[in-house]
Amino acid sequence: MSKIAGVLGTDDGRVAEEALKLFNVMKPEGSEDFGNDLIEGQADNVDHAVSIISEVLQAVQTLPFFGGKIVWLKNANFLGDDRTGGSERTKESVEELMRVLKAGLDPNISFLLSATAIDKRRAFYKYLKKDVELKLYDKIDISKDGWEEQVAGLVVNKAAPLGLTFDEDALELFVQQAGEDTRQITNELEKLSLYLHPESHISIETVRTMIPLNRKGVIWEISRCVDKRDGERAIELVNQQMEKGEQAVGLLRAAIIPTTRNTFFAKLAMHEAGVERADKRSFNGLIRKLSPTAVNALPKKADGNVNTWGLANCTYAASKSTLAKLRTNLDACLKADRALVTTAADHHMVLHRLIIELTS
């Protein structure tokens, strides 16, 4: 184990969790916490940041009374590109800390840094990346296609130690509601565990009851209702969101068009593979049977791979429709989008008619 280590990243929950694990590994065997130096790194301003670094410098240069010790600069918030972190005084203090660390610590002293924001252009980060045992935990980028699959894997892994299992629909809604933040995911899973005890299986009704509904969750619910041909519920949710000030075109492009498009391409993949029906579990295998030309026609994620998560979620509706009908649905979405953008048509009516057409 290196004498100097860092745990960094935008996922503050994961950073805190992994930093604590690393602290317990690095601290001298048999040492008590009072023999180590745990220094909170949450600075209120530049003066506070400079004071914290000064405390760290003193700690890493002061020999322990007995055996060894670890100095943990915990949750540092002055290493990023903000007003405090960008101050010349703060940067000079951080550079002084870097010089001390690079010069080497006493064999009986270890140093651990945890932080959720750091300017990767600066010499301090480059030093950490090159010479220090560094672990990075950034949040999953939810602006990229396929993020749901990554978050779902994280949720399942976090749920397993609690003995929790999900219905498929429940997992999908939980992902939308809890988001990509590890701390939020952990908190919501613990809440579900307490609510269900001694049971452990999570249904979509349980998620709806226990997890606060947010915009992403509503968007997913509208998409799911369109996919399941529950037009009444989809219209109810659309009305609720528009009463809150949501724009009709935003709802169309976020909730309805992506689902309609994915359903069409899911059906296209099934058609090319020569099957009438498919489900989420079999869809990945189905994709592997397609020709390169057919695969190239399917929606891709940022990494160039097929967005199998989005397509697989639409296999239910795709199995119950024809390719011609789904192509007609895409045309209907285009007409609705044009009506919302270029005409004075009543926005409620435009969406209501579209949803009825898609779910009939």
Protein backbone atom coordinates (compact mmCIF):
# COMPACT_ATOMS: atom_id res chain seq x y z
CA MET A 1 0.00 0.00 0.00
CA SER A 2 1.35 3.38 -1.02
CA LYS A 3 2.05 5.85 1.78
CA ILE A 4 0.20 8.52 -0.17
CA ALA A 5 -3.21 7.95 -1.77
CA GLY A 6 -6.12 9.93 -3.17
CA VAL A 7 -9.80 9.28 -3.82
CA LEU A 8 -11.35 11.83 -6.17
CA GLY A 9 -14.45 12.25 -8.30
CA THR A 10 -17.77 13.98 -8.79
CA ASP A 11 -19.74 11.10 -7.22
CA ASP A 12 -19.47 12.33 -3.63
CA GLY A 13 -21.24 9.29 -2.19
CA ARG A 14 -18.87 6.83 -3.84
CA VAL A 15 -15.83 8.98 -2.99
CA ALA A 16 -16.82 9.07 0.70
CA GLU A 17 -17.47 5.33 0.77
CA GLU A 18 -14.24 4.31 -0.97
CA ALA A 19 -12.12 6.81 0.96
CA LEU A 20 -13.33 5.36 4.27
CA LYS A 21 -12.47 1.85 3.07
CA LEU A 22 -9.00 3.02 2.04
CA PHE A 23 -8.51 4.83 5.36
CA ASN A 24 -9.23 1.61 7.25
CA VAL A 25 -6.72 -0.23 5.08
CA MET A 26 -3.99 2.41 5.35
CA LYS A 27 -4.18 3.25 9.04
CA PRO A 28 -1.54 1.52 11.18
CA GLU A 29 -2.62 -1.79 12.62
CA GLY A 30 -4.03 -1.42 16.10
CA SER A 31 -4.06 2.37 15.94
CA GLU A 32 -6.98 4.28 17.40
CA ASP A 33 -8.62 7.19 15.58
CA PHE A 34 -7.36 9.66 18.17
CA GLY A 35 -3.81 8.72 17.19
CA ASN A 36 -4.46 9.70 13.57
CA ASP A 37 -5.17 13.12 12.09
CA LEU A 38 -8.55 13.48 10.37
CA ILE A 39 -8.80 16.99 8.96
CA GLU A 40 -12.07 18.21 7.49
CA GLY A 41 -11.43 19.90 4.15
CA GLN A 42 -14.68 21.89 3.78
CA ALA A 43 -13.42 25.47 3.50
CA ASP A 44 -15.79 28.43 3.76
CA ASN A 45 -13.43 30.87 2.06
CA VAL A 46 -9.81 31.41 1.02
CA ASP A 47 -8.57 32.11 4.57
CA HIS A 48 -10.20 28.93 5.79
CA ALA A 49 -8.66 26.91 2.92
CA VAL A 50 -5.18 28.25 3.69
CA SER A 51 -5.70 27.43 7.39
CA ILE A 52 -6.76 23.86 6.56
CA ILE A 53 -3.69 23.29 4.37
CA SER A 54 -1.48 24.71 7.10
CA GLU A 55 -3.00 22.19 9.53
CA VAL A 56 -2.33 19.38 7.05
CA LEU A 57 1.28 20.48 6.56
CA GLN A 58 1.83 20.50 10.29
CA ALA A 59 0.24 17.05 10.65
CA VAL A 60 2.29 15.34 7.92
CA GLN A 61 5.52 16.80 9.35
CA THR A 62 4.82 15.89 12.98
CA LEU A 63 5.97 12.44 14.02
CA PRO A 64 3.50 10.20 15.87
CA PHE A 65 4.07 9.45 19.57
CA PHE A 66 3.62 5.71 19.15
CA GLY A 67 4.03 3.59 16.02
CA GLY A 68 2.57 5.20 12.92
CA LYS A 69 -0.30 7.44 11.93
CA ILE A 70 -2.35 8.49 8.92
CA VAL A 71 -3.29 12.04 8.00
CA TRP A 72 -6.59 12.20 6.11
CA LEU A 73 -7.54 15.45 4.38
CA LYS A 74 -11.23 14.66 4.11
CA ASN A 75 -13.73 16.07 1.61
CA ALA A 76 -11.47 18.89 0.40
CA ASN A 77 -13.50 21.46 -1.53
CA PHE A 78 -10.79 23.97 -2.44
CA LEU A 79 -9.01 22.10 -5.24
CA GLY A 80 -11.45 22.96 -8.02
CA ASP A 81 -11.79 25.91 -10.35
CA ASP A 82 -14.06 28.07 -8.20
CA ARG A 83 -13.56 31.31 -6.30
CA THR A 84 -11.81 29.69 -3.34
CA GLY A 85 -9.83 27.12 -5.29
CA GLY A 86 -8.82 29.67 -7.94
CA SER A 87 -7.37 32.15 -5.43
CA GLU A 88 -3.61 32.65 -5.74
CA ARG A 89 -3.22 32.16 -1.97
CA THR A 90 -5.04 28.85 -2.10
CA LYS A 91 -3.03 27.66 -5.10
CA GLU A 92 0.26 28.64 -3.42
CA SER A 93 -0.73 26.68 -0.29
CA VAL A 94 -1.69 23.63 -2.35
CA GLU A 95 1.63 23.82 -4.22
CA GLU A 96 3.46 23.91 -0.88
CA LEU A 97 1.59 20.77 0.18
CA MET A 98 2.60 19.16 -3.11
CA ARG A 99 6.27 20.00 -2.52
CA VAL A 100 6.16 18.41 0.94
CA LEU A 101 4.48 15.27 -0.36
CA LYS A 102 6.88 14.97 -3.31
CA ALA A 103 9.85 15.30 -0.98
CA GLY A 104 8.62 12.20 0.84
CA LEU A 105 6.99 11.57 4.22
CA ASP A 106 8.45 9.88 7.26
CA PRO A 107 8.02 6.07 6.96
CA ASN A 108 5.65 6.14 9.94
CA ILE A 109 3.26 8.66 8.32
CA SER A 110 0.70 8.05 5.58
CA PHE A 111 -1.42 10.64 3.78
CA LEU A 112 -4.90 10.24 2.28
CA LEU A 113 -6.79 12.87 0.28
CA SER A 114 -10.46 12.74 -0.64
CA ALA A 115 -12.15 15.41 -2.75
CA THR A 116 -15.09 15.72 -5.14
CA ALA A 117 -13.78 18.58 -7.26
CA ILE A 118 -10.27 19.15 -8.57
CA ASP A 119 -8.87 21.21 -11.40
CA LYS A 120 -7.19 18.66 -13.66
CA ARG A 121 -5.15 21.35 -15.41
CA ARG A 122 -3.04 22.11 -12.35
CA ALA A 123 0.28 20.64 -11.28
CA PHE A 124 -1.21 19.16 -8.10
CA TYR A 125 -3.59 16.89 -9.99
CA LYS A 126 -0.88 15.91 -12.48
CA TYR A 127 1.37 14.97 -9.54
CA LEU A 128 -1.39 12.87 -7.97
CA LYS A 129 -2.13 11.13 -11.25
CA LYS A 130 1.52 10.32 -11.91
CA ASP A 131 3.02 9.56 -8.50
CA VAL A 132 0.17 8.68 -6.13
CA GLU A 133 -2.17 5.72 -5.76
CA LEU A 134 -5.21 7.48 -7.17
CA LYS A 135 -8.81 6.29 -7.47
CA LEU A 136 -11.35 8.24 -9.52
CA TYR A 137 -15.13 7.95 -9.12
CA ASP A 138 -17.09 10.29 -11.36
CA LYS A 139 -20.86 10.28 -11.70
CA ILE A 140 -22.29 8.47 -14.69
CA ASP A 141 -22.97 10.95 -17.47
CA ILE A 142 -26.76 10.96 -17.86
CA SER A 143 -26.53 13.17 -20.96
CA LYS A 144 -25.31 10.16 -22.94
CA ASP A 145 -27.47 7.37 -24.32
CA GLY A 146 -27.29 4.14 -22.35
CA TRP A 147 -26.68 5.76 -18.96
CA GLU A 148 -29.68 3.90 -17.53
CA GLU A 149 -27.98 0.56 -18.06
CA GLN A 150 -24.90 1.71 -16.13
CA VAL A 151 -26.97 3.10 -13.26
CA ALA A 152 -29.12 -0.04 -13.17
CA GLY A 153 -26.00 -2.15 -12.72
CA LEU A 154 -24.88 0.11 -9.87
CA VAL A 155 -28.32 -0.13 -8.21
CA VAL A 156 -28.40 -3.93 -8.44
CA ASN A 157 -24.92 -4.17 -6.93
CA LYS A 158 -25.89 -1.85 -4.07
CA ALA A 159 -29.17 -3.69 -3.48
CA ALA A 160 -27.62 -7.16 -3.27
CA PRO A 161 -26.01 -6.79 0.21
CA LEU A 162 -29.41 -5.59 1.51
CA GLY A 163 -31.09 -8.67 0.05
CA LEU A 164 -33.26 -6.50 -2.22
CA THR A 165 -34.46 -7.55 -5.67
CA PHE A 166 -36.46 -5.59 -8.25
CA ASP A 167 -39.22 -6.20 -10.74
CA GLU A 168 -37.96 -4.98 -14.12
CA ASP A 169 -40.35 -2.02 -14.25
CA ALA A 170 -39.54 -1.16 -10.64
CA LEU A 171 -35.80 -1.08 -11.39
CA GLU A 172 -36.33 1.16 -14.41
CA LEU A 173 -38.44 3.64 -12.44
CA PHE A 174 -36.01 3.56 -9.50
CA VAL A 175 -33.14 4.43 -11.86
CA GLN A 176 -35.07 7.44 -13.17
CA GLN A 177 -36.11 8.59 -9.71
CA ALA A 178 -32.87 8.10 -7.78
CA GLY A 179 -30.57 9.24 -10.59
CA GLU A 180 -26.85 8.64 -10.91
CA ASP A 181 -25.68 9.81 -7.48
CA THR A 182 -24.38 6.93 -5.37
CA ARG A 183 -25.29 8.60 -2.07
CA GLN A 184 -28.89 9.12 -3.21
CA ILE A 185 -29.11 5.55 -4.49
CA THR A 186 -27.81 4.19 -1.19
CA ASN A 187 -30.20 6.31 0.86
CA GLU A 188 -33.23 5.27 -1.21
CA LEU A 189 -32.30 1.57 -1.05
CA GLU A 190 -31.90 1.72 2.73
CA LYS A 191 -35.31 3.41 2.96
CA LEU A 192 -36.88 0.68 0.82
CA SER A 193 -35.21 -2.00 2.95
CA LEU A 194 -36.70 -0.55 6.13
CA TYR A 195 -40.12 -0.11 4.51
CA LEU A 196 -40.29 -3.66 3.16
CA HIS A 197 -38.78 -5.52 6.11
CA PRO A 198 -38.93 -8.49 6.42
CA GLU A 199 -39.84 -8.71 2.70
CA SER A 200 -37.21 -7.91 0.10
CA HIS A 201 -38.81 -7.80 -3.36
CA ILE A 202 -39.46 -4.35 -4.80
CA SER A 203 -42.46 -3.76 -7.05
CA ILE A 204 -43.17 -0.69 -9.14
CA GLU A 205 -45.98 0.23 -6.73
CA THR A 206 -43.44 0.28 -3.87
CA VAL A 207 -41.12 2.58 -5.82
CA ARG A 208 -44.01 4.91 -6.62
CA THR A 209 -44.99 4.99 -2.95
CA MET A 210 -41.54 5.49 -1.43
CA ILE A 211 -39.42 7.42 -3.95
CA PRO A 212 -40.35 11.09 -4.54
CA LEU A 213 -41.46 11.70 -8.12
CA ASN A 214 -39.14 14.01 -10.08
CA ARG A 215 -39.15 15.23 -13.66
CA LYS A 216 -37.07 12.33 -14.96
CA GLY A 217 -39.44 9.92 -13.27
CA VAL A 218 -42.49 11.59 -14.83
CA ILE A 219 -40.84 11.52 -18.27
CA TRP A 220 -40.15 7.81 -17.84
CA GLU A 221 -43.71 7.16 -16.64
CA ILE A 222 -45.16 8.91 -19.71
CA SER A 223 -42.83 6.90 -21.93
CA ARG A 224 -43.81 3.68 -20.19
CA CYS A 225 -47.53 4.45 -20.53
CA VAL A 226 -47.11 5.05 -24.26
CA ASP A 227 -45.13 1.82 -24.53
CA LYS A 228 -47.78 -0.13 -22.58
CA ARG A 229 -50.61 1.59 -24.49
CA ASP A 230 -52.03 3.17 -21.36
CA GLY A 231 -53.21 6.36 -23.05
CA GLU A 232 -55.41 7.50 -20.17
CA ARG A 233 -52.53 7.54 -17.68
CA ALA A 234 -50.17 9.16 -20.22
CA ILE A 235 -52.64 11.99 -20.83
CA GLU A 236 -53.15 12.44 -17.07
CA LEU A 237 -49.39 12.82 -16.52
CA VAL A 238 -49.00 15.17 -19.48
CA ASN A 239 -51.78 17.38 -18.12
CA GLN A 240 -50.17 17.44 -14.67
CA GLN A 241 -46.82 18.51 -16.09
CA MET A 242 -48.30 21.19 -18.33
CA GLU A 243 -50.21 22.61 -15.34
CA LYS A 244 -46.81 22.95 -13.65
CA GLY A 245 -45.50 24.98 -16.57
CA GLU A 246 -43.84 22.24 -18.62
CA GLN A 247 -43.79 23.00 -22.34
CA ALA A 248 -45.68 20.58 -24.61
CA VAL A 249 -42.85 20.37 -27.12
CA GLY A 250 -40.43 19.49 -24.32
CA LEU A 251 -42.65 16.63 -23.18
CA LEU A 252 -43.05 15.42 -26.75
CA ARG A 253 -39.32 15.38 -27.45
CA ALA A 254 -38.26 13.99 -24.06
CA ALA A 255 -40.94 11.37 -23.39
CA ILE A 256 -42.88 10.45 -26.52
CA ILE A 257 -40.57 10.72 -29.53
CA PRO A 258 -37.68 8.68 -28.02
CA THR A 259 -40.03 5.85 -27.04
CA THR A 260 -41.76 5.87 -30.44
CA ARG A 261 -38.41 5.88 -32.23
CA ASN A 262 -36.98 3.08 -30.07
CA THR A 263 -40.10 0.97 -30.56
CA PHE A 264 -39.76 1.35 -34.32
CA PHE A 265 -36.09 0.33 -34.29
CA ALA A 266 -36.74 -2.54 -31.88
CA LYS A 267 -39.35 -3.84 -34.34
CA LEU A 268 -36.94 -3.31 -37.22
CA ALA A 269 -34.30 -5.39 -35.41
CA MET A 270 -36.87 -8.13 -34.76
CA HIS A 271 -37.95 -8.02 -38.41
CA GLU A 272 -34.35 -8.33 -39.64
CA ALA A 273 -33.75 -11.22 -37.23
CA GLY A 274 -36.88 -12.98 -38.47
CA VAL A 275 -38.73 -13.08 -35.13
CA GLU A 276 -42.21 -11.83 -34.27
CA ARG A 277 -41.70 -11.42 -30.55
CA ALA A 278 -38.82 -10.60 -28.21
CA ASP A 279 -38.30 -9.50 -24.63
CA LYS A 280 -35.63 -7.67 -22.66
CA ARG A 281 -33.70 -10.80 -21.80
CA SER A 282 -33.49 -12.08 -25.36
CA PHE A 283 -32.87 -8.79 -27.12
CA ASN A 284 -29.06 -8.70 -26.74
CA GLY A 285 -28.85 -12.15 -28.33
CA LEU A 286 -31.13 -10.98 -31.12
CA ILE A 287 -28.82 -8.04 -31.89
CA ARG A 288 -25.88 -10.42 -32.27
CA LYS A 289 -27.74 -12.25 -35.05
CA LEU A 290 -28.10 -9.16 -37.22
CA SER A 291 -25.99 -8.31 -40.23
CA PRO A 292 -23.54 -5.39 -39.93
CA THR A 293 -25.79 -3.36 -42.24
CA ALA A 294 -28.81 -3.88 -39.98
CA VAL A 295 -26.80 -3.06 -36.85
CA ASN A 296 -25.56 0.18 -38.43
CA ALA A 297 -29.17 1.31 -38.86
CA LEU A 298 -29.93 1.08 -35.12
CA PRO A 299 -29.55 4.00 -32.64
CA LYS A 300 -26.10 4.18 -31.08
CA LYS A 301 -24.66 5.38 -27.79
CA ALA A 302 -21.80 7.86 -27.64
CA ASP A 303 -19.30 4.98 -27.60
CA GLY A 304 -20.63 3.68 -30.93
CA ASN A 305 -22.39 0.62 -29.53
CA VAL A 306 -26.09 -0.07 -30.05
CA ASN A 307 -28.33 1.44 -27.37
CA THR A 308 -29.68 -1.98 -26.40
CA TRP A 309 -31.12 -0.72 -23.10
CA GLY A 310 -33.45 1.75 -24.79
CA LEU A 311 -34.45 -0.67 -27.54
CA ALA A 312 -34.96 -3.64 -25.22
CA ASN A 313 -37.32 -1.60 -23.06
CA CYS A 314 -39.61 -1.18 -26.09
CA THR A 315 -39.86 -4.85 -27.08
CA TYR A 316 -43.31 -5.19 -25.47
CA ALA A 317 -44.90 -2.57 -27.72
CA ALA A 318 -42.82 -3.67 -30.72
CA SER A 319 -44.03 -7.25 -30.37
CA LYS A 320 -47.66 -6.10 -30.42
CA SER A 321 -47.41 -3.87 -33.48
CA THR A 322 -46.39 -3.94 -37.14
CA LEU A 323 -43.50 -2.16 -38.77
CA ALA A 324 -45.95 -0.22 -40.95
CA LYS A 325 -47.93 1.00 -37.91
CA LEU A 326 -44.76 2.04 -36.10
CA ARG A 327 -43.59 3.97 -39.16
CA THR A 328 -46.97 5.72 -39.15
CA ASN A 329 -46.43 6.53 -35.45
CA LEU A 330 -43.12 8.25 -36.29
CA ASP A 331 -44.88 10.33 -38.93
CA ALA A 332 -47.54 11.26 -36.36
CA CYS A 333 -44.84 12.45 -33.95
CA LEU A 334 -43.29 14.58 -36.68
CA LYS A 335 -46.67 16.17 -37.49
CA ALA A 336 -47.33 16.84 -33.79
CA ASP A 337 -43.90 18.46 -33.38
CA ARG A 338 -44.54 20.71 -36.39
CA ALA A 339 -48.00 21.63 -35.08
CA LEU A 340 -46.58 22.64 -31.70
CA VAL A 341 -43.76 24.70 -33.19
CA THR A 342 -45.33 26.30 -36.25
CA THR A 343 -49.09 26.63 -35.58
CA ALA A 344 -51.41 28.11 -32.98
CA ALA A 345 -53.06 24.74 -32.31
CA ASP A 346 -54.03 24.00 -28.70
CA HIS A 347 -51.01 22.22 -27.21
CA HIS A 348 -53.07 20.01 -24.91
CA MET A 349 -55.15 18.85 -27.85
CA VAL A 350 -52.10 18.13 -30.02
CA LEU A 351 -50.56 15.87 -27.39
CA HIS A 352 -53.86 14.23 -26.49
CA ARG A 353 -54.55 13.31 -30.11
CA LEU A 354 -51.02 12.00 -30.60
CA ILE A 355 -51.14 9.83 -27.46
CA ILE A 356 -54.50 8.38 -28.48
CA GLU A 357 -53.13 7.58 -31.93
CA LEU A 358 -49.98 5.96 -30.52
CA THR A 359 -51.77 3.88 -27.90
CA SER A 360 -54.84 2.82 -29.90
